Amino acid sequence: MEPVIVLVVVFIIPTILVVLSYNRFVTQVASIDASWAGIDVELQRRHDLVDNLVRTVEGYATHERTTLEAVTRARARAVQAVDPEVPVDEQARAEDALTDGLSRLLAISEDMPDLKADSAFRQLQNQLVEIEDRITASRRLYNLEVAAYERRRKAVPSNLVASLFHFEPRELFEIQDAGAKHKAQVTW
């Protein structure tokens, strides 16, 4: 009877614990990937909206060509950064550049009463605020998932399972709070 107890204690219980820990890591990785997909969708919506916003402003702000071109370039870089091969921090920097450009673009609109009165521009501006809110919510969820995963990946004894099965570190997605910037500028 004793050899069976020793066998259970030495081999079976640790094996069960490793399997449970591994499965939890797999679940966390899937959850992180799903959260990232939510960010990806919202960023794509943002990129599409920026193109429409720039075209709308172009009709009113021909003398602001450099700002419009800067926003267009920043959008192009942000679209290129939406690639699984691009590190999260590089994608965040591309989004920061786009956020800065959008802030300048919206600041231009403040000095143009005709543009501010344009219903298409107002609608695009409202959509941008909504998208920025969704990006913020998606980013928050993703960062919470990554933080929980990283805590677990570094904590004993799950760090042994993470190391054994090569569960790689994940980066937080930190960008400027674009939603707050744009909300502050939306006035009629």
Protein backbone atom coordinates (compact mmCIF):
# COMPACT_ATOMS: atom_id res chain seq x y z
CA MET A 1 0.00 0.00 0.00
CA GLU A 2 2.83 2.41 0.82
CA PRO A 3 4.41 2.22 -2.65
CA VAL A 4 1.08 3.21 -4.19
CA ILE A 5 0.80 6.24 -1.90
CA VAL A 6 4.39 7.24 -2.70
CA LEU A 7 3.67 6.82 -6.42
CA VAL A 8 0.57 9.03 -6.16
CA VAL A 9 2.34 11.68 -4.11
CA VAL A 10 5.55 11.74 -6.14
CA PHE A 11 4.23 11.36 -9.70
CA ILE A 12 0.48 11.59 -10.16
CA ILE A 13 -0.35 14.66 -8.05
CA PRO A 14 2.51 16.77 -9.51
CA THR A 15 1.53 15.66 -13.02
CA ILE A 16 -2.07 16.71 -12.43
CA LEU A 17 -0.91 20.08 -11.05
CA VAL A 18 1.35 20.68 -14.07
CA VAL A 19 -1.48 19.80 -16.48
CA LEU A 20 -3.89 22.13 -14.66
CA SER A 21 -1.34 24.96 -14.67
CA TYR A 22 -0.57 24.39 -18.35
CA ASN A 23 -4.26 24.46 -19.25
CA ARG A 24 -4.72 27.69 -17.33
CA PHE A 25 -1.84 29.27 -19.25
CA VAL A 26 -3.39 28.14 -22.53
CA THR A 27 -6.70 29.70 -21.47
CA GLN A 28 -4.98 32.95 -20.51
CA VAL A 29 -3.11 33.14 -23.82
CA ALA A 30 -6.37 32.57 -25.72
CA SER A 31 -8.03 35.30 -23.67
CA ILE A 32 -5.15 37.71 -24.35
CA ASP A 33 -5.34 36.96 -28.08
CA ALA A 34 -9.10 37.53 -28.08
CA SER A 35 -8.64 40.83 -26.24
CA TRP A 36 -6.00 41.87 -28.77
CA ALA A 37 -8.41 41.04 -31.60
CA GLY A 38 -10.89 43.50 -30.03
CA ILE A 39 -8.23 46.22 -30.06
CA ASP A 40 -7.35 45.33 -33.64
CA VAL A 41 -10.96 45.75 -34.78
CA GLU A 42 -11.31 49.14 -33.10
CA LEU A 43 -7.98 50.36 -34.48
CA GLN A 44 -9.09 49.37 -37.98
CA ARG A 45 -12.32 51.34 -37.49
CA ARG A 46 -10.24 54.29 -36.32
CA HIS A 47 -7.94 54.06 -39.34
CA ASP A 48 -10.92 53.97 -41.72
CA LEU A 49 -12.54 56.92 -39.97
CA VAL A 50 -9.35 58.99 -40.09
CA ASP A 51 -9.29 58.70 -43.87
CA ASN A 52 -12.86 60.06 -44.07
CA LEU A 53 -12.10 62.80 -41.55
CA VAL A 54 -9.06 63.98 -43.52
CA ARG A 55 -11.05 64.09 -46.76
CA THR A 56 -13.79 66.11 -45.08
CA VAL A 57 -11.34 68.61 -43.62
CA GLU A 58 -9.45 68.90 -46.93
CA GLY A 59 -12.36 70.70 -48.50
CA TYR A 60 -12.26 73.39 -45.83
CA ALA A 61 -8.60 73.57 -44.90
CA THR A 62 -6.56 73.72 -48.08
CA HIS A 63 -4.03 75.99 -46.33
CA GLU A 64 -3.43 73.29 -43.68
CA ARG A 65 -1.93 70.85 -46.18
CA THR A 66 1.07 69.94 -43.96
CA THR A 67 -1.18 68.87 -41.07
CA LEU A 68 -3.40 66.84 -43.39
CA GLU A 69 -0.37 65.15 -44.95
CA ALA A 70 1.09 64.42 -41.50
CA VAL A 71 -2.15 62.78 -40.40
CA THR A 72 -2.29 60.76 -43.62
CA ARG A 73 1.30 59.56 -43.11
CA ALA A 74 0.62 58.73 -39.46
CA ARG A 75 -2.45 56.76 -40.49
CA ALA A 76 -0.44 54.84 -43.06
CA ARG A 77 2.20 53.97 -40.44
CA ALA A 78 -0.50 52.89 -37.98
CA VAL A 79 -2.16 50.68 -40.60
CA GLN A 80 1.20 49.05 -41.41
CA ALA A 81 1.84 48.47 -37.70
CA VAL A 82 -1.32 46.36 -37.41
CA ASP A 83 0.63 43.21 -38.11
CA PRO A 84 1.26 40.24 -35.80
CA GLU A 85 4.98 40.57 -36.56
CA VAL A 86 5.13 44.17 -35.30
CA PRO A 87 5.89 44.39 -31.56
CA VAL A 88 3.16 45.86 -29.39
CA ASP A 89 5.29 48.83 -28.32
CA GLU A 90 5.98 49.80 -31.97
CA GLN A 91 2.28 49.60 -32.74
CA ALA A 92 1.56 51.78 -29.71
CA ARG A 93 4.05 54.41 -30.94
CA ALA A 94 2.41 54.42 -34.38
CA GLU A 95 -0.98 54.94 -32.73
CA ASP A 96 0.48 57.74 -30.57
CA ALA A 97 1.66 59.54 -33.72
CA LEU A 98 -1.80 59.16 -35.23
CA THR A 99 -3.39 60.48 -32.03
CA ASP A 100 -1.13 63.55 -32.12
CA GLY A 101 -2.03 64.17 -35.74
CA LEU A 102 -5.73 63.82 -35.02
CA SER A 103 -5.43 66.26 -32.14
CA ARG A 104 -3.84 68.83 -34.46
CA LEU A 105 -6.49 68.15 -37.10
CA LEU A 106 -9.31 68.67 -34.64
CA ALA A 107 -7.62 71.81 -33.32
CA ILE A 108 -7.69 73.21 -36.87
CA SER A 109 -11.41 72.57 -37.01
CA GLU A 110 -11.93 74.80 -33.98
CA ASP A 111 -10.86 77.80 -36.07
CA MET A 112 -13.21 76.99 -38.95
CA PRO A 113 -16.86 77.73 -38.23
CA ASP A 114 -18.00 76.32 -41.59
CA LEU A 115 -16.25 73.03 -40.92
CA LYS A 116 -17.58 72.83 -37.36
CA ALA A 117 -21.07 73.38 -38.73
CA ASP A 118 -20.69 70.66 -41.37
CA SER A 119 -22.93 67.75 -40.35
CA ALA A 120 -20.66 65.13 -41.94
CA PHE A 121 -17.68 66.46 -39.99
CA ARG A 122 -19.65 66.52 -36.73
CA GLN A 123 -20.81 62.97 -37.33
CA LEU A 124 -17.24 61.81 -38.05
CA GLN A 125 -16.01 63.63 -34.96
CA ASN A 126 -18.65 61.92 -32.80
CA GLN A 127 -17.78 58.54 -34.30
CA LEU A 128 -14.12 59.20 -33.52
CA VAL A 129 -14.94 59.88 -29.87
CA GLU A 130 -16.96 56.64 -29.70
CA ILE A 131 -14.16 54.64 -31.31
CA GLU A 132 -11.59 56.16 -28.97
CA ASP A 133 -13.77 55.11 -26.03
CA ARG A 134 -13.99 51.55 -27.39
CA ILE A 135 -10.23 51.46 -27.97
CA THR A 136 -9.68 52.58 -24.38
CA ALA A 137 -12.03 49.88 -23.06
CA SER A 138 -10.47 47.19 -25.26
CA ARG A 139 -6.98 48.28 -24.29
CA ARG A 140 -7.90 48.19 -20.61
CA LEU A 141 -9.25 44.64 -20.94
CA TYR A 142 -6.18 43.50 -22.87
CA ASN A 143 -3.81 45.08 -20.34
CA LEU A 144 -5.67 43.44 -17.44
CA GLU A 145 -5.39 40.05 -19.16
CA VAL A 146 -1.67 40.57 -19.85
CA ALA A 147 -1.00 41.75 -16.29
CA ALA A 148 -2.70 38.65 -14.81
CA TYR A 149 -0.80 36.40 -17.20
CA GLU A 150 2.53 38.06 -16.41
CA ARG A 151 1.94 37.84 -12.64
CA ARG A 152 1.20 34.16 -12.98
CA ARG A 153 4.09 33.57 -15.39
CA LYS A 154 6.52 35.02 -12.83
CA ALA A 155 5.01 33.51 -9.66
CA VAL A 156 6.21 30.28 -8.07
CA PRO A 157 5.40 27.46 -8.91
CA SER A 158 3.60 28.39 -12.14
CA ASN A 159 6.79 30.05 -13.40
CA LEU A 160 8.26 26.55 -13.69
CA VAL A 161 5.40 25.47 -15.96
CA ALA A 162 5.70 28.70 -17.97
CA SER A 163 9.40 28.13 -18.44
CA LEU A 164 9.05 24.43 -19.23
CA PHE A 165 6.43 25.05 -21.92
CA HIS A 166 7.91 28.33 -23.21
CA PHE A 167 5.04 30.67 -22.41
CA GLU A 168 6.56 33.93 -23.64
CA PRO A 169 6.17 37.34 -21.99
CA ARG A 170 3.47 39.65 -23.31
CA GLU A 171 3.67 43.44 -23.51
CA LEU A 172 1.07 45.90 -22.31
CA PHE A 173 -0.50 48.09 -24.99
CA GLU A 174 -0.05 51.61 -23.72
CA ILE A 175 -1.00 54.53 -25.91
CA GLN A 176 -1.94 58.10 -25.18
CA ASP A 177 -5.44 58.60 -23.85
CA ALA A 178 -6.79 59.69 -27.19
CA GLY A 179 -10.41 59.60 -26.08
CA ALA A 180 -9.84 62.23 -23.41
CA LYS A 181 -7.95 64.46 -25.84
CA HIS A 182 -10.69 64.31 -28.46
CA LYS A 183 -13.54 64.72 -26.00
CA ALA A 184 -12.00 67.91 -24.71
CA GLN A 185 -11.93 69.32 -28.24
CA VAL A 186 -15.43 68.39 -29.33
CA THR A 187 -17.42 71.60 -29.04
CA TRP A 188 -20.21 72.98 -31.15
